[in-house]
Amino acid sequence: MGLFDRLKARLGKTRAALSDGISALFRGGRPMDAALLGELEELLYNADLGLVATEVVEELARKHKRGELKGEEDVRAALREGLLERLPSGGGEFTPEAKPTVLLIVGVNGSGKTTSIAKLANRFREAGSKVLVGACDTFRAAAADQLEIWAGRSGVDIVRRQEGADPAAVAFEAVEAAASGGHDVVLLDTAGRLHTQKNLMEELKKIQRVVGRKIEGAPHEVWLVLDGTNGQNAIQQARLFTAAVEVTGLVITKLDGTARGGALFGIERELGLPVRYLGTGESQELIEPFAAEAFVDAILSAG
């Protein structure tokens, strides 16, 4: 099963909201008119596209006025084109270059951050990399416990310390162990507590400084994990993190359980950051490298 087919299966709720909704608009041979375009905009808003919904429908209205849109097939093609223009090209599987490549993973609790780290560790290991995870969320013992269980299942190494330990010290120890142990990839989990926002953000900066002193250029990537079911709220979370650290990519989770996967377009519009991976389920293998065409086709495809 290819990426498109997997995404189509797992993004069923968003596809039902969008693709089936478009089919319903044209049911009974309904002609194109302003009312239909208004309903299409509402459909896109309900899928959480936000301002992107208005922008895309305005483009469709101009094309309709020029006589370029005759019916459902034309609308689907134009909508596909408009949505693709609003997503970064490229994407695909991340390939570590430095050895070790240090990935700092940030996000709020409940976003699927720790689970995503476990999935990424498993994915990189299956691709042939020697992987180590650093349990730098020392505020929640449950986070380190969860990570240790996942690491054991995946056969990757882990560095963790007791609850309340200095997260930056754990990060330093993790990259030190990776450098001496011949690891290819280090994934650093971090605490995600918004109610201590300022302290948390200062802590992230400290982790960055500490690992940079150990390995030049580290962390090589900072990925922000966002819960896809949070829609527009995810954008506000992203702003808080990008104000504190230089985020280089996004991991969007829980897209299998929402009809609002269109939030990804709003996130991209606001932040302009590449989406690296999509979380599409609970089990260990359900994380997919992002590819714009496969994503758009999966949520717009009929049937």
Protein backbone atom coordinates (compact mmCIF):
# COMPACT_ATOMS: atom_id res chain seq x y z
CA MET A 1 0.00 0.00 0.00
CA GLY A 2 1.48 3.36 -1.06
CA LEU A 3 1.51 6.59 0.93
CA PHE A 4 -1.60 7.95 -0.83
CA ASP A 5 -3.61 4.81 -0.06
CA ARG A 6 -2.47 4.76 3.56
CA LEU A 7 -3.34 8.43 4.05
CA LYS A 8 -6.68 7.99 2.28
CA ALA A 9 -7.57 5.18 4.67
CA ARG A 10 -6.42 6.98 7.80
CA LEU A 11 -7.74 10.45 7.00
CA GLY A 12 -11.22 9.09 6.38
CA LYS A 13 -13.04 11.63 8.55
CA THR A 14 -11.49 14.66 6.86
CA ARG A 15 -12.00 13.08 3.43
CA ALA A 16 -15.66 12.38 4.24
CA ALA A 17 -16.14 15.98 5.32
CA LEU A 18 -14.45 17.45 2.24
CA SER A 19 -14.75 15.06 -0.67
CA ASP A 20 -18.18 13.68 0.16
CA GLY A 21 -19.32 17.21 0.98
CA ILE A 22 -18.28 18.43 -2.46
CA SER A 23 -20.18 15.57 -4.12
CA ALA A 24 -23.26 16.49 -2.10
CA LEU A 25 -23.09 20.12 -3.30
CA PHE A 26 -23.38 19.00 -6.92
CA ARG A 27 -26.01 16.32 -6.32
CA GLY A 28 -28.81 16.29 -8.83
CA GLY A 29 -26.77 18.17 -11.44
CA ARG A 30 -26.82 21.43 -9.48
CA PRO A 31 -25.18 24.20 -11.51
CA MET A 32 -22.26 26.35 -10.39
CA ASP A 33 -23.34 29.65 -8.84
CA ALA A 34 -22.46 32.04 -6.02
CA ALA A 35 -24.62 30.15 -3.52
CA LEU A 36 -22.79 26.91 -4.21
CA LEU A 37 -19.41 28.61 -3.77
CA GLY A 38 -20.63 30.03 -0.46
CA GLU A 39 -21.56 26.54 0.72
CA LEU A 40 -18.18 25.26 -0.46
CA GLU A 41 -16.45 27.92 1.64
CA GLU A 42 -18.49 26.84 4.67
CA LEU A 43 -17.49 23.24 3.97
CA LEU A 44 -13.81 24.20 3.96
CA TYR A 45 -14.23 26.22 7.16
CA ASN A 46 -15.80 23.21 8.87
CA ALA A 47 -12.70 21.21 7.91
CA ASP A 48 -10.75 23.94 9.77
CA LEU A 49 -8.98 25.57 6.83
CA GLY A 50 -9.58 28.99 8.39
CA LEU A 51 -8.62 31.94 6.17
CA VAL A 52 -7.32 29.55 3.54
CA ALA A 53 -10.97 28.62 2.87
CA THR A 54 -11.81 32.20 1.91
CA GLU A 55 -8.68 32.65 -0.21
CA VAL A 56 -9.22 29.46 -2.18
CA VAL A 57 -12.94 30.08 -2.78
CA GLU A 58 -12.22 33.63 -3.95
CA GLU A 59 -9.87 32.14 -6.54
CA LEU A 60 -12.55 29.66 -7.59
CA ALA A 61 -15.07 32.50 -7.93
CA ARG A 62 -12.72 34.38 -10.26
CA LYS A 63 -12.20 31.26 -12.38
CA HIS A 64 -15.95 30.67 -12.50
CA LYS A 65 -16.50 34.24 -13.64
CA ARG A 66 -14.01 33.65 -16.47
CA GLY A 67 -15.92 30.53 -17.48
CA GLU A 68 -13.16 28.14 -16.43
CA LEU A 69 -15.26 26.14 -13.95
CA LYS A 70 -18.23 24.22 -15.32
CA GLY A 71 -18.97 21.57 -12.72
CA GLU A 72 -17.74 19.24 -10.00
CA GLU A 73 -14.65 17.91 -11.78
CA ASP A 74 -13.42 21.43 -12.56
CA VAL A 75 -14.01 22.52 -8.97
CA ARG A 76 -12.11 19.52 -7.58
CA ALA A 77 -9.17 20.16 -9.91
CA ALA A 78 -9.04 23.89 -9.11
CA LEU A 79 -9.41 23.20 -5.38
CA ARG A 80 -6.57 20.68 -5.54
CA GLU A 81 -4.35 23.22 -7.30
CA GLY A 82 -5.22 25.97 -4.79
CA LEU A 83 -4.53 23.76 -1.77
CA LEU A 84 -1.25 22.44 -3.15
CA GLU A 85 -0.04 26.00 -3.69
CA ARG A 86 -0.49 26.55 0.04
CA LEU A 87 1.62 23.64 1.18
CA PRO A 88 5.40 23.37 1.00
CA SER A 89 6.72 21.17 -1.77
CA GLY A 90 9.29 18.53 -1.01
CA GLY A 91 8.86 16.75 2.30
CA GLY A 92 9.36 13.02 2.36
CA GLU A 93 11.51 10.91 4.64
CA PHE A 94 14.01 12.75 6.83
CA THR A 95 17.59 11.62 6.27
CA PRO A 96 20.10 12.27 9.07
CA GLU A 97 23.31 13.84 7.80
CA ALA A 98 25.49 14.67 10.81
CA LYS A 99 26.54 11.78 13.05
CA PRO A 100 24.93 11.92 15.45
CA THR A 101 22.04 14.06 14.22
CA VAL A 102 20.35 15.64 17.24
CA LEU A 103 16.59 16.23 17.00
CA LEU A 104 15.00 18.33 19.74
CA ILE A 105 11.27 17.58 19.98
CA VAL A 106 8.98 20.16 21.61
CA GLY A 107 5.23 20.55 22.17
CA VAL A 108 2.58 20.72 24.85
CA ASN A 109 1.52 17.74 26.96
CA GLY A 110 -1.27 15.83 25.29
CA SER A 111 -0.10 16.69 21.78
CA GLY A 112 1.26 13.19 21.21
CA LYS A 113 4.87 14.36 21.61
CA THR A 114 6.31 11.40 23.51
CA THR A 115 4.43 8.87 21.37
CA SER A 116 5.69 10.62 18.23
CA ILE A 117 9.28 10.39 19.48
CA ALA A 118 8.83 6.67 20.04
CA LYS A 119 7.40 6.24 16.55
CA LEU A 120 10.20 8.27 14.96
CA ALA A 121 12.83 6.30 16.88
CA ASN A 122 11.31 3.08 15.61
CA ARG A 123 11.12 4.41 12.04
CA PHE A 124 14.73 5.60 12.00
CA ARG A 125 15.92 2.29 13.49
CA GLU A 126 14.01 0.32 10.85
CA ALA A 127 15.73 2.47 8.20
CA GLY A 128 19.09 1.29 9.55
CA SER A 129 20.05 4.08 11.96
CA LYS A 130 21.40 3.49 15.44
CA VAL A 131 19.06 5.53 17.63
CA LEU A 132 19.15 6.94 21.15
CA VAL A 133 16.37 8.81 22.94
CA GLY A 134 16.93 11.27 25.76
CA ALA A 135 14.12 11.49 28.34
CA CYS A 136 14.51 15.19 29.12
CA ASP A 137 10.94 15.58 30.38
CA THR A 138 11.95 15.04 33.99
CA PHE A 139 8.83 16.70 35.40
CA ARG A 140 6.58 13.78 34.53
CA ALA A 141 7.90 10.37 35.49
CA ALA A 142 5.13 8.93 33.32
CA ALA A 143 6.70 10.50 30.22
CA ALA A 144 10.07 8.83 30.84
CA ASP A 145 8.36 5.55 31.77
CA GLN A 146 6.37 5.62 28.55
CA LEU A 147 9.46 6.42 26.51
CA GLU A 148 11.41 3.60 28.15
CA ILE A 149 8.68 1.07 27.33
CA TRP A 150 8.55 2.22 23.69
CA ALA A 151 12.36 2.22 23.45
CA GLY A 152 12.44 -1.36 24.74
CA ARG A 153 9.90 -2.44 22.13
CA SER A 154 11.82 -0.75 19.32
CA GLY A 155 15.26 -1.86 20.42
CA VAL A 156 16.67 1.67 20.73
CA ASP A 157 18.83 3.04 23.54
CA ILE A 158 17.58 5.50 26.16
CA VAL A 159 19.14 7.92 28.63
CA ARG A 160 16.92 8.87 31.58
CA ARG A 161 17.40 10.11 35.11
CA GLN A 162 15.26 10.43 38.22
CA GLU A 163 12.22 12.69 38.34
CA GLY A 164 13.23 16.31 38.94
CA ALA A 165 16.70 15.99 37.37
CA ASP A 166 18.00 18.93 35.33
CA PRO A 167 16.61 18.41 31.79
CA ALA A 168 19.65 20.08 30.20
CA ALA A 169 21.96 17.71 32.08
CA VAL A 170 19.99 14.73 30.73
CA ALA A 171 20.21 16.20 27.21
CA PHE A 172 23.98 16.67 27.56
CA GLU A 173 24.41 13.11 28.81
CA ALA A 174 22.28 11.78 25.94
CA VAL A 175 24.31 13.50 23.20
CA GLU A 176 27.54 12.54 24.95
CA ALA A 177 26.45 8.89 25.03
CA ALA A 178 25.41 9.07 21.37
CA ALA A 179 28.71 10.62 20.30
CA SER A 180 30.75 7.95 22.08
CA GLY A 181 28.37 5.11 21.21
CA GLY A 182 28.35 5.60 17.44
CA HIS A 183 24.67 6.54 17.26
CA ASP A 184 23.25 8.10 14.11
CA VAL A 185 20.23 9.85 15.61
CA VAL A 186 19.43 11.35 19.03
CA LEU A 187 15.80 12.26 19.82
CA LEU A 188 15.39 14.52 22.86
CA ASP A 189 11.98 14.59 24.55
CA THR A 190 11.18 17.78 26.47
CA ALA A 191 8.59 18.89 28.99
CA GLY A 192 5.49 20.53 27.59
CA ARG A 193 3.73 22.46 30.33
CA LEU A 194 2.13 25.66 29.13
CA HIS A 195 1.17 26.81 32.63
CA THR A 196 4.87 27.39 33.38
CA GLN A 197 5.42 28.84 29.97
CA LYS A 198 8.29 31.21 30.68
CA ASN A 199 10.29 28.67 32.70
CA LEU A 200 9.68 26.02 30.07
CA MET A 201 10.85 28.23 27.22
CA GLU A 202 13.99 29.21 29.14
CA GLU A 203 14.61 25.52 29.76
CA LEU A 204 14.37 24.77 26.02
CA LYS A 205 16.92 27.50 25.31
CA LYS A 206 19.23 26.03 27.94
CA ILE A 207 18.95 22.55 26.40
CA GLN A 208 19.85 24.04 23.02
CA ARG A 209 22.91 25.81 24.44
CA VAL A 210 24.11 22.73 26.32
CA VAL A 211 23.87 20.27 23.42
CA GLY A 212 25.43 22.88 21.11
CA ARG A 213 28.47 23.00 23.37
CA LYS A 214 28.84 19.23 23.15
CA ILE A 215 28.20 18.84 19.40
CA GLU A 216 28.73 21.78 17.06
CA GLY A 217 25.55 22.68 15.20
CA ALA A 218 23.31 20.68 17.55
CA PRO A 219 20.40 20.48 17.81
CA HIS A 220 20.35 20.03 14.05
CA GLU A 221 16.56 20.11 13.94
CA VAL A 222 13.85 21.36 16.32
CA TRP A 223 10.50 19.75 15.57
CA LEU A 224 7.26 21.00 17.08
CA VAL A 225 4.54 18.40 17.67
CA LEU A 226 0.99 19.75 17.21
CA ASP A 227 -2.29 17.95 17.84
CA GLY A 228 -4.21 18.00 14.55
CA THR A 229 -7.55 17.85 16.40
CA ASN A 230 -6.82 21.22 18.03
CA GLY A 231 -7.32 23.05 14.76
CA GLN A 232 -6.78 26.78 15.04
CA ASN A 233 -5.66 26.46 18.68
CA ALA A 234 -2.60 24.59 17.43
CA ILE A 235 -1.52 27.78 15.64
CA GLN A 236 -1.46 29.72 18.91
CA GLN A 237 0.58 26.96 20.56
CA ALA A 238 2.99 27.08 17.65
CA ARG A 239 3.46 30.83 17.99
CA LEU A 240 4.50 30.41 21.64
CA PHE A 241 7.15 27.86 20.78
CA THR A 242 8.47 29.59 17.67
CA ALA A 243 8.90 32.78 19.71
CA ALA A 244 11.22 30.91 22.09
CA VAL A 245 13.14 28.49 19.90
CA GLU A 246 13.96 28.27 16.22
CA VAL A 247 11.57 25.54 15.11
CA THR A 248 12.64 23.88 11.86
CA GLY A 249 9.75 21.48 11.22
CA LEU A 250 6.38 20.19 12.36
CA VAL A 251 4.93 16.83 13.30
CA ILE A 252 1.13 16.86 13.13
CA THR A 253 -0.57 14.13 15.19
CA LYS A 254 -4.00 12.51 15.63
CA LEU A 255 -5.13 13.22 12.08
CA ASP A 256 -6.86 9.85 11.95
CA GLY A 257 -9.49 10.90 14.50
CA THR A 258 -10.60 14.27 13.16
CA ALA A 259 -12.70 15.70 10.36
CA ARG A 260 -10.67 18.91 10.71
CA GLY A 261 -7.41 17.88 9.06
CA GLY A 262 -7.61 21.09 7.07
CA ALA A 263 -6.01 22.85 10.04
CA LEU A 264 -2.72 21.83 8.50
CA PHE A 265 -3.26 24.49 5.81
CA GLY A 266 -3.87 27.21 8.38
CA ILE A 267 -0.79 26.15 10.33
CA GLU A 268 1.30 26.32 7.19
CA ARG A 269 -0.19 29.70 6.21
CA GLU A 270 0.66 31.20 9.60
CA LEU A 271 4.03 29.62 10.25
CA GLY A 272 5.56 28.73 6.90
CA LEU A 273 7.30 25.72 8.48
CA PRO A 274 7.75 22.39 6.69
CA VAL A 275 5.58 19.55 7.89
CA ARG A 276 7.91 16.59 8.44
CA TYR A 277 5.62 13.79 9.60
CA LEU A 278 1.95 13.02 10.16
CA GLY A 279 0.75 10.84 13.04
CA THR A 280 -2.15 8.74 11.79
CA GLY A 281 -2.86 6.32 14.63
CA GLU A 282 -1.73 4.88 17.94
CA SER A 283 0.40 1.92 16.94
CA GLN A 284 4.13 2.22 16.47
CA GLU A 285 4.24 2.22 12.67
CA LEU A 286 1.47 4.80 12.19
CA ILE A 287 3.58 7.83 11.37
CA GLU A 288 4.01 8.95 7.78
CA PRO A 289 6.51 11.27 6.08
CA PHE A 290 4.62 14.28 4.80
CA ALA A 291 4.08 14.64 1.06
CA ALA A 292 1.86 17.52 -0.06
CA GLU A 293 0.35 15.82 -3.13
CA ALA A 294 -0.45 12.59 -1.32
CA PHE A 295 -2.07 14.55 1.54
CA VAL A 296 -4.23 16.77 -0.67
CA ASP A 297 -5.27 13.87 -2.91
CA ALA A 298 -6.13 11.76 0.14
CA ILE A 299 -8.58 14.33 1.54
CA LEU A 300 -10.10 15.29 -1.81
CA SER A 301 -10.33 11.89 -3.50
CA ALA A 302 -13.80 10.58 -4.25
CA GLY A 303 -14.95 7.17 -3.03
